[in-house]
PDB file of N, CA and C in Angstrom:
ATOM      1  N   UNK A   1     163.338 298.490  82.513  1.00  0.00           N
ATOM      2  CA  UNK A   1     163.014 297.301  83.264  1.00  0.00           C
ATOM      3  C   UNK A   1     162.036 297.685  84.370  1.00  0.00           C
ATOM      4  N   UNK A   2     160.987 296.914  84.519  1.00  0.00           N
ATOM      5  CA  UNK A   2     159.959 297.178  85.513  1.00  0.00           C
ATOM      6  C   UNK A   2     160.305 296.428  86.791  1.00  0.00           C
ATOM      7  N   UNK A   3     160.085 297.058  87.918  1.00  0.00           N
ATOM      8  CA  UNK A   3     160.324 296.435  89.207  1.00  0.00           C
ATOM      9  C   UNK A   3     159.293 295.332  89.433  1.00  0.00           C
ATOM     10  N   UNK A   4     159.708 294.202  90.027  1.00  0.00           N
ATOM     11  CA  UNK A   4     158.802 293.077  90.256  1.00  0.00           C
ATOM     12  C   UNK A   4     157.638 293.441  91.156  1.00  0.00           C
ATOM     13  N   UNK A   5     157.805 294.399  92.019  1.00  0.00           N
ATOM     14  CA  UNK A   5     156.734 294.791  92.924  1.00  0.00           C
ATOM     15  C   UNK A   5     155.566 295.395  92.146  1.00  0.00           C
ATOM     16  N   UNK A   6     155.857 296.020  91.023  1.00  0.00           N
ATOM     17  CA  UNK A   6     154.826 296.678  90.231  1.00  0.00           C
ATOM     18  C   UNK A   6     154.049 295.706  89.344  1.00  0.00           C
ATOM     19  N   UNK A   7     154.540 294.498  89.156  1.00  0.00           N
ATOM     20  CA  UNK A   7     153.907 293.570  88.230  1.00  0.00           C
ATOM     21  C   UNK A   7     152.658 292.950  88.848  1.00  0.00           C
ATOM     22  N   UNK A   8     151.725 292.638  87.993  1.00  0.00           N
ATOM     23  CA  UNK A   8     150.528 291.923  88.421  1.00  0.00           C
ATOM     24  C   UNK A   8     150.700 290.461  88.052  1.00  0.00           C
ATOM     25  N   UNK A   9     150.717 289.567  89.040  1.00  0.00           N
ATOM     26  CA  UNK A   9     150.924 288.146  88.796  1.00  0.00           C
ATOM     27  C   UNK A   9     149.599 287.410  88.622  1.00  0.00           C
ATOM     28  N   UNK A  10     148.512 288.113  88.461  1.00  0.00           N
ATOM     29  CA  UNK A  10     147.194 287.505  88.351  1.00  0.00           C
ATOM     30  C   UNK A  10     146.858 287.299  86.876  1.00  0.00           C
ATOM     31  N   UNK A  11     146.703 286.038  86.467  1.00  0.00           N
ATOM     32  CA  UNK A  11     146.324 285.708  85.092  1.00  0.00           C
ATOM     33  C   UNK A  11     145.512 284.412  85.123  1.00  0.00           C
ATOM     34  N   UNK A  12     144.186 284.509  85.239  1.00  0.00           N
ATOM     35  CA  UNK A  12     143.359 283.301  85.372  1.00  0.00           C
ATOM     36  C   UNK A  12     143.484 282.328  84.203  1.00  0.00           C
ATOM     37  N   UNK A  13     143.615 282.831  82.994  1.00  0.00           N
ATOM     38  CA  UNK A  13     143.753 281.951  81.829  1.00  0.00           C
ATOM     39  C   UNK A  13     145.044 281.148  81.880  1.00  0.00           C
ATOM     40  N   UNK A  14     146.119 281.803  82.240  1.00  0.00           N
ATOM     41  CA  UNK A  14     147.408 281.133  82.358  1.00  0.00           C
ATOM     42  C   UNK A  14     147.388 280.126  83.500  1.00  0.00           C
ATOM     43  N   UNK A  15     146.725 280.473  84.581  1.00  0.00           N
ATOM     44  CA  UNK A  15     146.594 279.555  85.710  1.00  0.00           C
ATOM     45  C   UNK A  15     145.831 278.300  85.297  1.00  0.00           C
ATOM     46  N   UNK A  16     144.735 278.454  84.557  1.00  0.00           N
ATOM     47  CA  UNK A  16     143.959 277.302  84.092  1.00  0.00           C
ATOM     48  C   UNK A  16     144.798 276.410  83.185  1.00  0.00           C
ATOM     49  N   UNK A  17     145.602 277.013  82.302  1.00  0.00           N
ATOM     50  CA  UNK A  17     146.454 276.211  81.415  1.00  0.00           C
ATOM     51  C   UNK A  17     147.499 275.438  82.202  1.00  0.00           C
ATOM     52  N   UNK A  18     148.083 276.062  83.213  1.00  0.00           N
ATOM     53  CA  UNK A  18     149.102 275.382  84.021  1.00  0.00           C
ATOM     54  C   UNK A  18     148.487 274.246  84.834  1.00  0.00           C
ATOM     55  N   UNK A  19     147.313 274.462  85.394  1.00  0.00           N
ATOM     56  CA  UNK A  19     146.645 273.405  86.168  1.00  0.00           C
ATOM     57  C   UNK A  19     146.217 272.265  85.248  1.00  0.00           C
ATOM     58  N   UNK A  20     145.669 272.584  84.088  1.00  0.00           N
ATOM     59  CA  UNK A  20     145.272 271.557  83.127  1.00  0.00           C
ATOM     60  C   UNK A  20     146.481 270.745  82.687  1.00  0.00           C
ATOM     61  N   UNK A  21     147.595 271.417  82.427  1.00  0.00           N
ATOM     62  CA  UNK A  21     148.825 270.731  82.040  1.00  0.00           C
ATOM     63  C   UNK A  21     149.273 269.775  83.139  1.00  0.00           C
ATOM     64  N   UNK A  22     149.266 270.230  84.370  1.00  0.00           N
ATOM     65  CA  UNK A  22     149.706 269.392  85.492  1.00  0.00           C
ATOM     66  C   UNK A  22     148.796 268.180  85.660  1.00  0.00           C
ATOM     67  N   UNK A  23     147.500 268.374  85.535  1.00  0.00           N
ATOM     68  CA  UNK A  23     146.558 267.264  85.653  1.00  0.00           C
ATOM     69  C   UNK A  23     146.770 266.257  84.526  1.00  0.00           C
ATOM     70  N   UNK A  24     147.021 266.746  83.318  1.00  0.00           N
ATOM     71  CA  UNK A  24     147.267 265.845  82.187  1.00  0.00           C
ATOM     72  C   UNK A  24     148.553 265.044  82.384  1.00  0.00           C
ATOM     73  N   UNK A  25     149.585 265.666  82.911  1.00  0.00           N
ATOM     74  CA  UNK A  25     150.834 264.945  83.186  1.00  0.00           C
ATOM     75  C   UNK A  25     150.588 263.865  84.233  1.00  0.00           C
ATOM     76  N   UNK A  26     149.868 264.190  85.299  1.00  0.00           N
ATOM     77  CA  UNK A  26     149.559 263.202  86.329  1.00  0.00           C
ATOM     78  C   UNK A  26     148.705 262.062  85.778  1.00  0.00           C
ATOM     79  N   UNK A  27     147.733 262.386  84.935  1.00  0.00           N
ATOM     80  CA  UNK A  27     146.893 261.356  84.323  1.00  0.00           C
ATOM     81  C   UNK A  27     147.712 260.471  83.386  1.00  0.00           C
ATOM     82  N   UNK A  28     148.635 261.071  82.651  1.00  0.00           N
ATOM     83  CA  UNK A  28     149.507 260.293  81.771  1.00  0.00           C
ATOM     84  C   UNK A  28     150.397 259.334  82.554  1.00  0.00           C
ATOM     85  N   UNK A  29     150.935 259.807  83.668  1.00  0.00           N
ATOM     86  CA  UNK A  29     151.766 258.941  84.511  1.00  0.00           C
ATOM     87  C   UNK A  29     150.929 257.807  85.102  1.00  0.00           C
ATOM     88  N   UNK A  30     149.693 258.096  85.494  1.00  0.00           N
ATOM     89  CA  UNK A  30     148.817 257.059  86.034  1.00  0.00           C
ATOM     90  C   UNK A  30     148.461 256.024  84.963  1.00  0.00           C
ATOM     91  N   UNK A  31     148.255 256.480  83.740  1.00  0.00           N
ATOM     92  CA  UNK A  31     147.962 255.569  82.640  1.00  0.00           C
ATOM     93  C   UNK A  31     149.158 254.666  82.350  1.00  0.00           C
ATOM     94  N   UNK A  32     150.351 255.243  82.313  1.00  0.00           N
ATOM     95  CA  UNK A  32     151.563 254.442  82.104  1.00  0.00           C
ATOM     96  C   UNK A  32     151.724 253.425  83.234  1.00  0.00           C
ATOM     97  N   UNK A  33     151.466 253.843  84.468  1.00  0.00           N
ATOM     98  CA  UNK A  33     151.531 252.929  85.605  1.00  0.00           C
ATOM     99  C   UNK A  33     150.560 251.762  85.420  1.00  0.00           C
ATOM    100  N   UNK A  34     149.324 252.043  85.015  1.00  0.00           N
ATOM    101  CA  UNK A  34     148.319 250.996  84.841  1.00  0.00           C
ATOM    102  C   UNK A  34     148.712 250.011  83.746  1.00  0.00           C
ATOM    103  N   UNK A  35     149.250 250.526  82.651  1.00  0.00           N
ATOM    104  CA  UNK A  35     149.675 249.656  81.550  1.00  0.00           C
ATOM    105  C   UNK A  35     150.839 248.770  81.993  1.00  0.00           C
ATOM    106  N   UNK A  36     151.804 249.329  82.682  1.00  0.00           N
ATOM    107  CA  UNK A  36     152.952 248.546  83.144  1.00  0.00           C
ATOM    108  C   UNK A  36     152.516 247.536  84.198  1.00  0.00           C
ATOM    109  N   UNK A  37     151.598 247.904  85.053  1.00  0.00           N
ATOM    110  CA  UNK A  37     151.098 246.976  86.064  1.00  0.00           C
ATOM    111  C   UNK A  37     150.417 245.779  85.405  1.00  0.00           C
ATOM    112  N   UNK A  38     149.602 246.045  84.401  1.00  0.00           N
ATOM    113  CA  UNK A  38     148.940 244.962  83.675  1.00  0.00           C
ATOM    114  C   UNK A  38     149.962 244.063  82.987  1.00  0.00           C
ATOM    115  N   UNK A  39     150.964 244.657  82.379  1.00  0.00           N
ATOM    116  CA  UNK A  39     152.031 243.889  81.730  1.00  0.00           C
ATOM    117  C   UNK A  39     152.788 243.032  82.740  1.00  0.00           C
ATOM    118  N   UNK A  40     153.088 243.580  83.903  1.00  0.00           N
ATOM    119  CA  UNK A  40     153.856 242.850  84.914  1.00  0.00           C
ATOM    120  C   UNK A  40     153.064 241.681  85.484  1.00  0.00           C
ATOM    121  N   UNK A  41     151.756 241.822  85.583  1.00  0.00           N
ATOM    122  CA  UNK A  41     150.943 240.736  86.112  1.00  0.00           C
ATOM    123  C   UNK A  41     150.855 239.552  85.164  1.00  0.00           C
ATOM    124  N   UNK A  42     151.036 239.790  83.883  1.00  0.00           N
ATOM    125  CA  UNK A  42     150.921 238.737  82.881  1.00  0.00           C
ATOM    126  C   UNK A  42     152.260 238.090  82.527  1.00  0.00           C
ATOM    127  N   UNK A  43     153.325 238.527  83.149  1.00  0.00           N
ATOM    128  CA  UNK A  43     154.642 237.985  82.807  1.00  0.00           C
ATOM    129  C   UNK A  43     154.802 236.565  83.321  1.00  0.00           C
ATOM    130  N   UNK A  44     155.491 235.754  82.558  1.00  0.00           N
ATOM    131  CA  UNK A  44     155.739 234.351  82.899  1.00  0.00           C
ATOM    132  C   UNK A  44     156.547 234.178  84.191  1.00  0.00           C
ATOM    133  N   UNK A  45     157.652 234.931  84.412  1.00  0.00           N
ATOM    134  CA  UNK A  45     158.455 234.692  85.616  1.00  0.00           C
ATOM    135  C   UNK A  45     157.690 234.954  86.920  1.00  0.00           C
ATOM    136  N   UNK A  46     156.663 235.775  86.879  1.00  0.00           N
ATOM    137  CA  UNK A  46     155.956 236.128  88.102  1.00  0.00           C
ATOM    138  C   UNK A  46     154.752 235.227  88.376  1.00  0.00           C
ATOM    139  N   UNK A  47     154.425 234.348  87.452  1.00  0.00           N
ATOM    140  CA  UNK A  47     153.231 233.520  87.602  1.00  0.00           C
ATOM    141  C   UNK A  47     153.344 232.556  88.779  1.00  0.00           C
ATOM    142  N   UNK A  48     154.524 232.015  89.043  1.00  0.00           N
ATOM    143  CA  UNK A  48     154.674 231.012  90.096  1.00  0.00           C
ATOM    144  C   UNK A  48     154.949 231.605  91.480  1.00  0.00           C
ATOM    145  N   UNK A  49     155.324 232.870  91.562  1.00  0.00           N
ATOM    146  CA  UNK A  49     155.660 233.459  92.860  1.00  0.00           C
ATOM    147  C   UNK A  49     154.472 234.128  93.534  1.00  0.00           C
ATOM    148  N   UNK A  50     153.498 234.540  92.771  1.00  0.00           N
ATOM    149  CA  UNK A  50     152.352 235.233  93.346  1.00  0.00           C
ATOM    150  C   UNK A  50     152.580 236.733  93.521  1.00  0.00           C
ATOM    151  N   UNK A  51     153.796 237.211  93.307  1.00  0.00           N
ATOM    152  CA  UNK A  51     154.098 238.644  93.390  1.00  0.00           C
ATOM    153  C   UNK A  51     153.987 239.269  92.011  1.00  0.00           C
ATOM    154  N   UNK A  52     153.581 240.496  91.960  1.00  0.00           N
ATOM    155  CA  UNK A  52     153.450 241.181  90.676  1.00  0.00           C
ATOM    156  C   UNK A  52     154.802 241.624  90.145  1.00  0.00           C
ATOM    157  N   UNK A  53     155.633 242.171  90.998  1.00  0.00           N
ATOM    158  CA  UNK A  53     156.930 242.700  90.575  1.00  0.00           C
ATOM    159  C   UNK A  53     158.043 241.824  91.151  1.00  0.00           C
ATOM    160  N   UNK A  54     158.205 240.649  90.576  1.00  0.00           N
ATOM    161  CA  UNK A  54     159.116 239.677  91.162  1.00  0.00           C
ATOM    162  C   UNK A  54     160.523 239.737  90.587  1.00  0.00           C
ATOM    163  N   UNK A  55     160.720 240.364  89.454  1.00  0.00           N
ATOM    164  CA  UNK A  55     162.057 240.412  88.848  1.00  0.00           C
ATOM    165  C   UNK A  55     162.489 241.848  88.588  1.00  0.00           C
ATOM    166  N   UNK A  56     163.738 241.991  88.210  1.00  0.00           N
ATOM    167  CA  UNK A  56     164.326 243.317  88.019  1.00  0.00           C
ATOM    168  C   UNK A  56     163.659 244.095  86.890  1.00  0.00           C
ATOM    169  N   UNK A  57     163.301 243.413  85.815  1.00  0.00           N
ATOM    170  CA  UNK A  57     162.688 244.103  84.666  1.00  0.00           C
ATOM    171  C   UNK A  57     161.361 244.753  85.053  1.00  0.00           C
ATOM    172  N   UNK A  58     160.518 244.017  85.739  1.00  0.00           N
ATOM    173  CA  UNK A  58     159.221 244.594  86.110  1.00  0.00           C
ATOM    174  C   UNK A  58     159.379 245.679  87.173  1.00  0.00           C
ATOM    175  N   UNK A  59     160.324 245.515  88.091  1.00  0.00           N
ATOM    176  CA  UNK A  59     160.555 246.539  89.111  1.00  0.00           C
ATOM    177  C   UNK A  59     161.094 247.822  88.484  1.00  0.00           C
ATOM    178  N   UNK A  60     162.012 247.685  87.537  1.00  0.00           N
ATOM    179  CA  UNK A  60     162.591 248.869  86.890  1.00  0.00           C
ATOM    180  C   UNK A  60     161.559 249.602  86.041  1.00  0.00           C
ATOM    181  N   UNK A  61     160.704 248.860  85.349  1.00  0.00           N
ATOM    182  CA  UNK A  61     159.729 249.538  84.489  1.00  0.00           C
ATOM    183  C   UNK A  61     158.625 250.213  85.298  1.00  0.00           C
ATOM    184  N   UNK A  62     158.220 249.597  86.419  1.00  0.00           N
ATOM    185  CA  UNK A  62     157.158 250.226  87.213  1.00  0.00           C
ATOM    186  C   UNK A  62     157.669 251.498  87.884  1.00  0.00           C
ATOM    187  N   UNK A  63     158.956 251.559  88.158  1.00  0.00           N
ATOM    188  CA  UNK A  63     159.523 252.800  88.702  1.00  0.00           C
ATOM    189  C   UNK A  63     159.869 253.787  87.592  1.00  0.00           C
ATOM    190  N   UNK A  64     160.472 253.289  86.537  1.00  0.00           N
ATOM    191  CA  UNK A  64     160.994 254.167  85.491  1.00  0.00           C
ATOM    192  C   UNK A  64     159.960 254.759  84.554  1.00  0.00           C
ATOM    193  N   UNK A  65     158.941 253.979  84.186  1.00  0.00           N
ATOM    194  CA  UNK A  65     157.953 254.463  83.212  1.00  0.00           C
ATOM    195  C   UNK A  65     157.210 255.712  83.670  1.00  0.00           C
ATOM    196  N   UNK A  66     156.471 255.627  84.774  1.00  0.00           N
ATOM    197  CA  UNK A  66     155.771 256.820  85.247  1.00  0.00           C
ATOM    198  C   UNK A  66     156.723 257.951  85.652  1.00  0.00           C
ATOM    199  N   UNK A  67     157.891 257.588  86.170  1.00  0.00           N
ATOM    200  CA  UNK A  67     158.859 258.619  86.560  1.00  0.00           C
ATOM    201  C   UNK A  67     159.339 259.404  85.346  1.00  0.00           C
ATOM    202  N   UNK A  68     159.531 258.732  84.212  1.00  0.00           N
ATOM    203  CA  UNK A  68     159.935 259.446  82.994  1.00  0.00           C
ATOM    204  C   UNK A  68     158.835 260.385  82.509  1.00  0.00           C
ATOM    205  N   UNK A  69     157.584 259.952  82.606  1.00  0.00           N
ATOM    206  CA  UNK A  69     156.467 260.819  82.213  1.00  0.00           C
ATOM    207  C   UNK A  69     156.424 262.045  83.122  1.00  0.00           C
ATOM    208  N   UNK A  70     156.563 261.819  84.428  1.00  0.00           N
ATOM    209  CA  UNK A  70     156.542 262.936  85.375  1.00  0.00           C
ATOM    210  C   UNK A  70     157.732 263.873  85.160  1.00  0.00           C
ATOM    211  N   UNK A  71     158.898 263.304  84.900  1.00  0.00           N
ATOM    212  CA  UNK A  71     160.084 264.134  84.670  1.00  0.00           C
ATOM    213  C   UNK A  71     159.953 264.954  83.387  1.00  0.00           C
ATOM    214  N   UNK A  72     159.428 264.332  82.330  1.00  0.00           N
ATOM    215  CA  UNK A  72     159.207 265.077  81.086  1.00  0.00           C
ATOM    216  C   UNK A  72     158.196 266.206  81.303  1.00  0.00           C
ATOM    217  N   UNK A  73     157.149 265.930  82.092  1.00  0.00           N
ATOM    218  CA  UNK A  73     156.172 266.968  82.409  1.00  0.00           C
ATOM    219  C   UNK A  73     156.781 268.097  83.222  1.00  0.00           C
ATOM    220  N   UNK A  74     157.669 267.740  84.155  1.00  0.00           N
ATOM    221  CA  UNK A  74     158.362 268.746  84.958  1.00  0.00           C
ATOM    222  C   UNK A  74     159.208 269.649  84.071  1.00  0.00           C
ATOM    223  N   UNK A  75     159.985 269.031  83.195  1.00  0.00           N
ATOM    224  CA  UNK A  75     160.833 269.824  82.291  1.00  0.00           C
ATOM    225  C   UNK A  75     159.982 270.685  81.367  1.00  0.00           C
ATOM    226  N   UNK A  76     158.858 270.147  80.906  1.00  0.00           N
ATOM    227  CA  UNK A  76     157.955 270.926  80.065  1.00  0.00           C
ATOM    228  C   UNK A  76     157.398 272.142  80.790  1.00  0.00           C
ATOM    229  N   UNK A  77     157.077 271.984  82.067  1.00  0.00           N
ATOM    230  CA  UNK A  77     156.576 273.117  82.842  1.00  0.00           C
ATOM    231  C   UNK A  77     157.642 274.182  83.019  1.00  0.00           C
ATOM    232  N   UNK A  78     158.895 273.767  83.225  1.00  0.00           N
ATOM    233  CA  UNK A  78     159.959 274.760  83.375  1.00  0.00           C
ATOM    234  C   UNK A  78     160.299 275.436  82.043  1.00  0.00           C
ATOM    235  N   UNK A  79     160.165 274.716  80.940  1.00  0.00           N
ATOM    236  CA  UNK A  79     160.333 275.349  79.626  1.00  0.00           C
ATOM    237  C   UNK A  79     159.212 276.361  79.400  1.00  0.00           C
ATOM    238  N   UNK A  80     157.995 275.996  79.777  1.00  0.00           N
ATOM    239  CA  UNK A  80     156.877 276.938  79.669  1.00  0.00           C
ATOM    240  C   UNK A  80     157.114 278.162  80.549  1.00  0.00           C
ATOM    241  N   UNK A  81     157.717 277.954  81.724  1.00  0.00           N
ATOM    242  CA  UNK A  81     158.052 279.082  82.597  1.00  0.00           C
ATOM    243  C   UNK A  81     158.954 280.057  81.868  1.00  0.00           C
ATOM    244  N   UNK A  82     159.982 279.533  81.227  1.00  0.00           N
ATOM    245  CA  UNK A  82     160.924 280.389  80.499  1.00  0.00           C
ATOM    246  C   UNK A  82     160.233 281.126  79.355  1.00  0.00           C
ATOM    247  N   UNK A  83     159.395 280.416  78.614  1.00  0.00           N
ATOM    248  CA  UNK A  83     158.724 281.047  77.475  1.00  0.00           C
ATOM    249  C   UNK A  83     157.752 282.135  77.924  1.00  0.00           C
ATOM    250  N   UNK A  84     157.045 281.877  79.013  1.00  0.00           N
ATOM    251  CA  UNK A  84     156.115 282.889  79.537  1.00  0.00           C
ATOM    252  C   UNK A  84     156.897 284.077  80.087  1.00  0.00           C
ATOM    253  N   UNK A  85     158.029 283.817  80.722  1.00  0.00           N
ATOM    254  CA  UNK A  85     158.889 284.898  81.232  1.00  0.00           C
ATOM    255  C   UNK A  85     159.394 285.776  80.092  1.00  0.00           C
ATOM    256  N   UNK A  86     159.746 285.156  78.979  1.00  0.00           N
ATOM    257  CA  UNK A  86     160.231 285.924  77.814  1.00  0.00           C
ATOM    258  C   UNK A  86     159.141 286.842  77.258  1.00  0.00           C
ATOM    259  N   UNK A  87     157.877 286.459  77.415  1.00  0.00           N
ATOM    260  CA  UNK A  87     156.767 287.284  76.943  1.00  0.00           C
ATOM    261  C   UNK A  87     156.317 288.290  77.987  1.00  0.00           C
ATOM    262  N   UNK A  88     157.039 288.361  79.111  1.00  0.00           N
ATOM    263  CA  UNK A  88     156.740 289.307  80.196  1.00  0.00           C
ATOM    264  C   UNK A  88     155.336 289.108  80.762  1.00  0.00           C
ATOM    265  N   UNK A  89     154.988 287.826  80.968  1.00  0.00           N
ATOM    266  CA  UNK A  89     153.695 287.509  81.566  1.00  0.00           C
ATOM    267  C   UNK A  89     153.914 286.891  82.942  1.00  0.00           C
ATOM    268  N   UNK A  90     152.903 286.328  83.534  1.00  0.00           N
ATOM    269  CA  UNK A  90     152.936 285.828  84.912  1.00  0.00           C
ATOM    270  C   UNK A  90     153.628 284.458  84.973  1.00  0.00           C
ATOM    271  N   UNK A  91     154.934 284.443  84.887  1.00  0.00           N
ATOM    272  CA  UNK A  91     155.710 283.208  84.860  1.00  0.00           C
ATOM    273  C   UNK A  91     155.709 282.424  86.170  1.00  0.00           C
ATOM    274  N   UNK A  92     155.509 283.025  87.362  1.00  0.00           N
ATOM    275  CA  UNK A  92     155.514 282.205  88.590  1.00  0.00           C
ATOM    276  C   UNK A  92     154.429 281.126  88.620  1.00  0.00           C
ATOM    277  N   UNK A  93     153.375 281.303  87.850  1.00  0.00           N
ATOM    278  CA  UNK A  93     152.322 280.287  87.785  1.00  0.00           C
ATOM    279  C   UNK A  93     152.893 278.990  87.228  1.00  0.00           C
ATOM    280  N   UNK A  94     153.634 279.089  86.127  1.00  0.00           N
ATOM    281  CA  UNK A  94     154.232 277.899  85.524  1.00  0.00           C
ATOM    282  C   UNK A  94     155.376 277.363  86.370  1.00  0.00           C
ATOM    283  N   UNK A  95     156.090 278.243  87.023  1.00  0.00           N
ATOM    284  CA  UNK A  95     157.157 277.777  87.892  1.00  0.00           C
ATOM    285  C   UNK A  95     156.579 276.957  89.049  1.00  0.00           C
ATOM    286  N   UNK A  96     155.456 277.386  89.576  1.00  0.00           N
ATOM    287  CA  UNK A  96     154.781 276.624  90.623  1.00  0.00           C
ATOM    288  C   UNK A  96     154.349 275.248  90.126  1.00  0.00           C
ATOM    289  N   UNK A  97     153.854 275.184  88.892  1.00  0.00           N
ATOM    290  CA  UNK A  97     153.470 273.893  88.311  1.00  0.00           C
ATOM    291  C   UNK A  97     154.695 272.989  88.168  1.00  0.00           C
ATOM    292  N   UNK A  98     155.812 273.565  87.764  1.00  0.00           N
ATOM    293  CA  UNK A  98     157.043 272.783  87.627  1.00  0.00           C
ATOM    294  C   UNK A  98     157.534 272.232  88.950  1.00  0.00           C
ATOM    295  N   UNK A  99     157.516 273.073  89.981  1.00  0.00           N
ATOM    296  CA  UNK A  99     157.965 272.606  91.299  1.00  0.00           C
ATOM    297  C   UNK A  99     157.003 271.564  91.863  1.00  0.00           C
ATOM    298  N   UNK A 100     155.715 271.717  91.623  1.00  0.00           N
ATOM    299  CA  UNK A 100     154.745 270.726  92.062  1.00  0.00           C
ATOM    300  C   UNK A 100     155.016 269.374  91.407  1.00  0.00           C
ATOM    301  N   UNK A 101     155.216 269.382  90.084  1.00  0.00           N
ATOM    302  CA  UNK A 101     155.469 268.131  89.377  1.00  0.00           C
ATOM    303  C   UNK A 101     156.803 267.512  89.793  1.00  0.00           C
ATOM    304  N   UNK A 102     157.806 268.338  90.065  1.00  0.00           N
ATOM    305  CA  UNK A 102     159.081 267.803  90.535  1.00  0.00           C
ATOM    306  C   UNK A 102     158.922 267.147  91.903  1.00  0.00           C
ATOM    307  N   UNK A 103     158.137 267.746  92.774  1.00  0.00           N
ATOM    308  CA  UNK A 103     157.887 267.167  94.092  1.00  0.00           C
ATOM    309  C   UNK A 103     157.156 265.834  93.969  1.00  0.00           C
ATOM    310  N   UNK A 104     156.172 265.758  93.094  1.00  0.00           N
ATOM    311  CA  UNK A 104     155.447 264.504  92.879  1.00  0.00           C
ATOM    312  C   UNK A 104     156.384 263.444  92.306  1.00  0.00           C
ATOM    313  N   UNK A 105     157.253 263.829  91.385  1.00  0.00           N
ATOM    314  CA  UNK A 105     158.213 262.893  90.801  1.00  0.00           C
ATOM    315  C   UNK A 105     159.131 262.312  91.862  1.00  0.00           C
ATOM    316  N   UNK A 106     159.702 263.162  92.688  1.00  0.00           N
ATOM    317  CA  UNK A 106     160.621 262.692  93.718  1.00  0.00           C
ATOM    318  C   UNK A 106     159.902 261.853  94.770  1.00  0.00           C
ATOM    319  N   UNK A 107     158.683 262.227  95.119  1.00  0.00           N
ATOM    320  CA  UNK A 107     157.906 261.437  96.078  1.00  0.00           C
ATOM    321  C   UNK A 107     157.583 260.062  95.501  1.00  0.00           C
ATOM    322  N   UNK A 108     157.219 259.996  94.223  1.00  0.00           N
ATOM    323  CA  UNK A 108     156.934 258.724  93.578  1.00  0.00           C
ATOM    324  C   UNK A 108     158.168 257.825  93.585  1.00  0.00           C
ATOM    325  N   UNK A 109     159.303 258.389  93.236  1.00  0.00           N
ATOM    326  CA  UNK A 109     160.533 257.589  93.219  1.00  0.00           C
ATOM    327  C   UNK A 109     160.939 257.135  94.617  1.00  0.00           C
ATOM    328  N   UNK A 110     160.803 257.994  95.609  1.00  0.00           N
ATOM    329  CA  UNK A 110     161.191 257.632  96.964  1.00  0.00           C
ATOM    330  C   UNK A 110     160.272 256.548  97.537  1.00  0.00           C
ATOM    331  N   UNK A 111     158.993 256.731  97.411  1.00  0.00           N
ATOM    332  CA  UNK A 111     158.052 255.758  97.953  1.00  0.00           C
ATOM    333  C   UNK A 111     158.090 254.468  97.134  1.00  0.00           C
ATOM    334  N   UNK A 112     158.122 254.611  95.825  1.00  0.00           N
ATOM    335  CA  UNK A 112     158.137 253.428  94.952  1.00  0.00           C
ATOM    336  C   UNK A 112     159.366 252.572  95.108  1.00  0.00           C
ATOM    337  N   UNK A 113     160.523 253.180  95.275  1.00  0.00           N
ATOM    338  CA  UNK A 113     161.742 252.376  95.410  1.00  0.00           C
ATOM    339  C   UNK A 113     161.731 251.610  96.728  1.00  0.00           C
ATOM    340  N   UNK A 114     161.147 252.164  97.759  1.00  0.00           N
ATOM    341  CA  UNK A 114     161.038 251.453  99.026  1.00  0.00           C
ATOM    342  C   UNK A 114     160.057 250.303  98.977  1.00  0.00           C
ATOM    343  N   UNK A 115     158.959 250.481  98.258  1.00  0.00           N
ATOM    344  CA  UNK A 115     157.923 249.454  98.186  1.00  0.00           C
ATOM    345  C   UNK A 115     158.328 248.319  97.241  1.00  0.00           C
ATOM    346  N   UNK A 116     158.898 248.658  96.106  1.00  0.00           N
ATOM    347  CA  UNK A 116     159.230 247.638  95.090  1.00  0.00           C
ATOM    348  C   UNK A 116     160.351 246.725  95.573  1.00  0.00           C
ATOM    349  N   UNK A 117     161.318 247.248  96.294  1.00  0.00           N
ATOM    350  CA  UNK A 117     162.473 246.430  96.677  1.00  0.00           C
ATOM    351  C   UNK A 117     162.208 245.531  97.874  1.00  0.00           C
ATOM    352  N   UNK A 118     161.020 245.563  98.457  1.00  0.00           N
ATOM    353  CA  UNK A 118     160.729 244.692  99.603  1.00  0.00           C
ATOM    354  C   UNK A 118     160.635 243.257  99.176  1.00  0.00           C
TER     355      UNK A 118
END
């Protein structure tokens, strides 16, 4: 077993893959948000109130849809961390991507739940 101090954590290719993965997850969540927003604006119950998210269904989907994409991306990054660790490569890069996506997920849920329920 090699001591962690001796390992080189520098891997530009792996870093690019982790950053690209994180950007794709964020773009996917933004796309899901845009689709749900468009759907919520066209719903019949919200036409007379002037609000986009006037009922429980639209509020739950605008919070849940992008959050599920972000959560799946977070879990995918942590699975990638494990797989890279098994190959004895620079796994902290993927772990950082996982923690970043988890932070974005929790921030989205915290801010979104406060805004939607007003």
